[in-house]
Protein backbone atom coordinates (compact mmCIF):
# COMPACT_ATOMS: atom_id res chain seq x y z
CA MET A 1 -0.47 -9.90 -25.93
CA ASP A 2 1.56 -10.35 -22.77
CA ILE A 3 0.04 -9.22 -19.51
CA ILE A 4 2.61 -6.48 -18.90
CA SER A 5 1.87 -4.90 -22.27
CA HIS A 6 -1.86 -4.97 -21.54
CA GLY A 7 -1.29 -2.95 -18.39
CA LEU A 8 1.09 -0.51 -20.07
CA TRP A 9 -1.28 0.11 -23.02
CA ALA A 10 -4.22 0.67 -20.66
CA ASN A 11 -2.14 3.08 -18.59
CA LEU A 12 -1.43 5.12 -21.72
CA ILE A 13 -4.94 5.04 -23.16
CA PHE A 14 -6.70 5.87 -19.87
CA LYS A 15 -3.99 8.24 -18.59
CA GLU A 16 -6.22 11.34 -18.44
CA MET A 17 -9.20 9.61 -16.85
CA PRO A 18 -9.98 9.38 -13.14
CA GLU A 19 -10.71 5.68 -13.75
CA LYS A 20 -7.15 5.08 -14.99
CA ASN A 21 -5.88 2.86 -12.18
CA PRO A 22 -8.94 0.57 -12.08
CA ALA A 23 -8.89 0.41 -15.90
CA VAL A 24 -5.28 -0.79 -15.80
CA ILE A 25 -6.24 -3.46 -13.27
CA PHE A 26 -9.24 -4.49 -15.40
CA SER A 27 -6.93 -4.71 -18.45
CA ILE A 28 -4.91 -7.52 -16.90
CA ILE A 29 -7.70 -9.42 -15.12
CA PRO A 30 -8.76 -11.53 -18.15
CA ASP A 31 -5.35 -13.20 -18.28
CA LEU A 32 -5.10 -13.48 -14.51
CA ILE A 33 -8.42 -15.30 -14.41
CA SER A 34 -7.56 -17.54 -17.33
CA PHE A 35 -3.92 -18.37 -16.57
CA GLY A 36 -2.86 -16.92 -13.23
CA GLY A 37 -3.63 -19.70 -10.81
CA VAL A 38 -2.69 -22.60 -13.04
CA LEU A 39 0.62 -22.16 -14.77
CA GLY A 40 1.80 -18.71 -13.75
CA LYS A 41 5.45 -19.49 -13.21
CA ARG A 42 5.84 -21.67 -16.27
CA PHE A 43 3.73 -19.42 -18.48
CA PHE A 44 5.67 -16.25 -17.67
CA ARG A 45 9.02 -18.02 -17.91
CA LYS A 46 8.12 -19.22 -21.41
CA THR A 47 6.78 -15.79 -22.31
CA LEU A 48 10.09 -14.20 -21.48
CA HIS A 49 11.75 -16.67 -23.85
CA TYR A 50 9.40 -15.73 -26.72
CA LYS A 51 7.89 -19.19 -26.84
CA ASP A 52 4.34 -20.34 -26.32
CA PRO A 53 3.91 -23.19 -23.86
CA PRO A 54 2.39 -26.28 -25.46
CA LEU A 55 -1.41 -26.27 -25.41
CA SER A 56 -1.30 -29.69 -23.79
CA ALA A 57 0.19 -28.00 -20.70
CA PHE A 58 -3.12 -26.25 -20.01
CA PRO A 59 -6.03 -27.96 -18.25
CA LYS A 60 -9.34 -27.91 -20.16
CA PHE A 61 -10.94 -25.42 -17.79
CA VAL A 62 -8.37 -22.80 -18.81
CA PHE A 63 -9.78 -22.84 -22.35
CA LYS A 64 -13.31 -22.36 -20.97
CA LEU A 65 -12.20 -19.48 -18.78
CA TYR A 66 -10.34 -17.95 -21.70
CA ARG A 67 -13.44 -18.04 -23.92
CA ALA A 68 -15.57 -16.39 -21.23
CA THR A 69 -13.02 -13.71 -20.33
CA HIS A 70 -12.07 -12.87 -23.93
CA SER A 71 -15.51 -12.56 -25.52
CA LEU A 72 -16.67 -9.12 -26.64
CA ILE A 73 -20.26 -10.33 -26.28
CA ILE A 74 -19.81 -11.21 -22.60
CA TRP A 75 -17.84 -8.02 -22.02
CA LEU A 76 -20.52 -5.87 -23.69
CA ILE A 77 -23.34 -7.42 -21.66
CA ILE A 78 -21.51 -6.73 -18.40
CA PHE A 79 -20.49 -3.22 -19.51
CA LEU A 80 -24.06 -2.29 -20.45
CA ALA A 81 -25.44 -3.77 -17.22
CA LEU A 82 -22.96 -1.79 -15.12
CA TYR A 83 -23.77 1.40 -17.00
CA ALA A 84 -27.55 0.86 -16.89
CA LEU A 85 -27.46 0.15 -13.16
CA GLY A 86 -25.70 3.46 -12.54
CA PHE A 87 -22.21 2.15 -11.93
CA LYS A 88 -20.71 4.49 -14.52
CA PHE A 89 -17.31 4.80 -12.83
CA ILE A 90 -16.94 1.00 -12.74
CA ALA A 91 -18.27 0.65 -16.30
CA ILE A 92 -15.69 3.11 -17.62
CA ALA A 93 -12.91 1.39 -15.67
CA TYR A 94 -14.21 -1.93 -17.02
CA ALA A 95 -13.42 -0.56 -20.49
CA GLY A 96 -9.84 -1.65 -19.70
CA TRP A 97 -11.09 -5.23 -20.00
CA GLY A 98 -12.56 -4.40 -23.41
CA LEU A 99 -9.21 -2.93 -24.46
CA HIS A 100 -7.57 -6.20 -23.42
CA ILE A 101 -9.90 -8.15 -25.72
CA LEU A 102 -9.36 -5.74 -28.62
CA LEU A 103 -5.58 -6.05 -28.32
CA ASP A 104 -5.79 -9.84 -28.11
CA ILE A 105 -7.94 -10.09 -31.23
CA PHE A 106 -4.97 -8.90 -33.31
CA THR A 107 -2.14 -10.43 -31.29
CA HIS A 108 -3.28 -14.04 -31.08
CA THR A 109 -3.17 -16.63 -33.82
CA THR A 110 -5.34 -19.62 -34.54
CA ASP A 111 -2.52 -21.80 -33.16
CA PHE A 112 -2.39 -20.38 -29.62
CA PHE A 113 -5.49 -19.20 -27.75
CA PRO A 114 -7.35 -17.47 -30.56
CA THR A 115 -9.63 -14.76 -29.17
CA PRO A 116 -13.28 -15.92 -29.45
CA ILE A 117 -14.76 -12.51 -30.23
CA PHE A 118 -18.43 -13.55 -30.37
CA TRP A 119 -18.47 -16.46 -27.92
CA PRO A 120 -20.91 -18.04 -26.85
CA PHE A 121 -22.72 -17.47 -30.15
CA SER A 122 -19.75 -18.21 -32.36
CA ARG A 123 -16.16 -19.37 -32.06
CA TYR A 124 -15.11 -17.00 -34.83
CA HIS A 125 -11.66 -15.56 -34.30
CA PHE A 126 -9.17 -13.52 -36.22
CA SER A 127 -5.71 -14.99 -36.69
CA GLY A 128 -3.35 -12.09 -36.10
CA ILE A 129 0.30 -11.74 -35.17
CA ASN A 130 1.64 -14.03 -32.48
CA TRP A 131 2.31 -11.72 -29.56
CA SER A 132 5.22 -13.88 -28.37
CA ASN A 133 7.09 -13.46 -31.66
CA LYS A 134 10.34 -11.77 -30.63
CA TYR A 135 10.15 -9.22 -33.46
CA PHE A 136 6.63 -8.24 -32.46
CA MET A 137 7.67 -8.04 -28.79
CA ILE A 138 10.56 -5.75 -29.69
CA PHE A 139 8.28 -3.58 -31.85
CA ASN A 140 5.56 -3.49 -29.19
CA TYR A 141 7.90 -2.44 -26.40
CA ALA A 142 9.72 0.05 -28.63
CA VAL A 143 6.39 1.75 -29.41
CA LEU A 144 5.44 1.69 -25.72
CA ILE A 145 8.79 3.24 -24.71
CA PHE A 146 8.43 5.93 -27.36
CA LEU A 147 4.85 6.76 -26.29
CA TYR A 148 5.76 6.84 -22.59
CA LEU A 149 8.68 9.15 -23.29
CA PHE A 150 6.45 11.38 -25.43
CA PHE A 151 3.46 11.58 -23.08
CA TYR A 152 5.12 11.40 -19.67
CA PHE A 153 8.54 12.97 -20.12
CA ARG A 154 8.16 15.84 -22.56
C-alpha cells in the first residue's frame, strides 16, 4: 500500500485513542526506513503514475530492510518487549506499525516486494492485490474519503 494510505488508515483506526498521532507516525515508518533515503523522489513519482519501479532500481540492502521492517515476527517481538518493559503507551502506538504490515500482506504481490510475514523463520508471503493498480488505488481512496466523511464530518 502507498505510504499516504498507511497514514490515513492508521488515523482512522486509532482516531479515538490518545496514541493516535504516534500510531500514525509508526504506520509509515516501515516504508520510510525501507525506501525513504534511497529512491524517494523516483519511487513516489512512479507511485503517482500507478507503476512499480523496476526491482533492479533498488539496492540489495533495501530488500533486507524491507524484510526486517515488514515481518510480523519481528514486530511482535518488539511489541511484546515494549509492553513487558512497561512502555504501554509506546507499545500501543507501535501497533500502527503492525497495521502497516497487515495492510501490506494483502496489497503486495509476489512480483513486487511481497510481505515476508514470518521472516526470519520463513519467506512465506501472500500474493494479494497490487496496491499500485489504478483501480485498487481509486477504490482505496474512495473508501477512505467515504470513511473520513462519515467519521469526521457527520
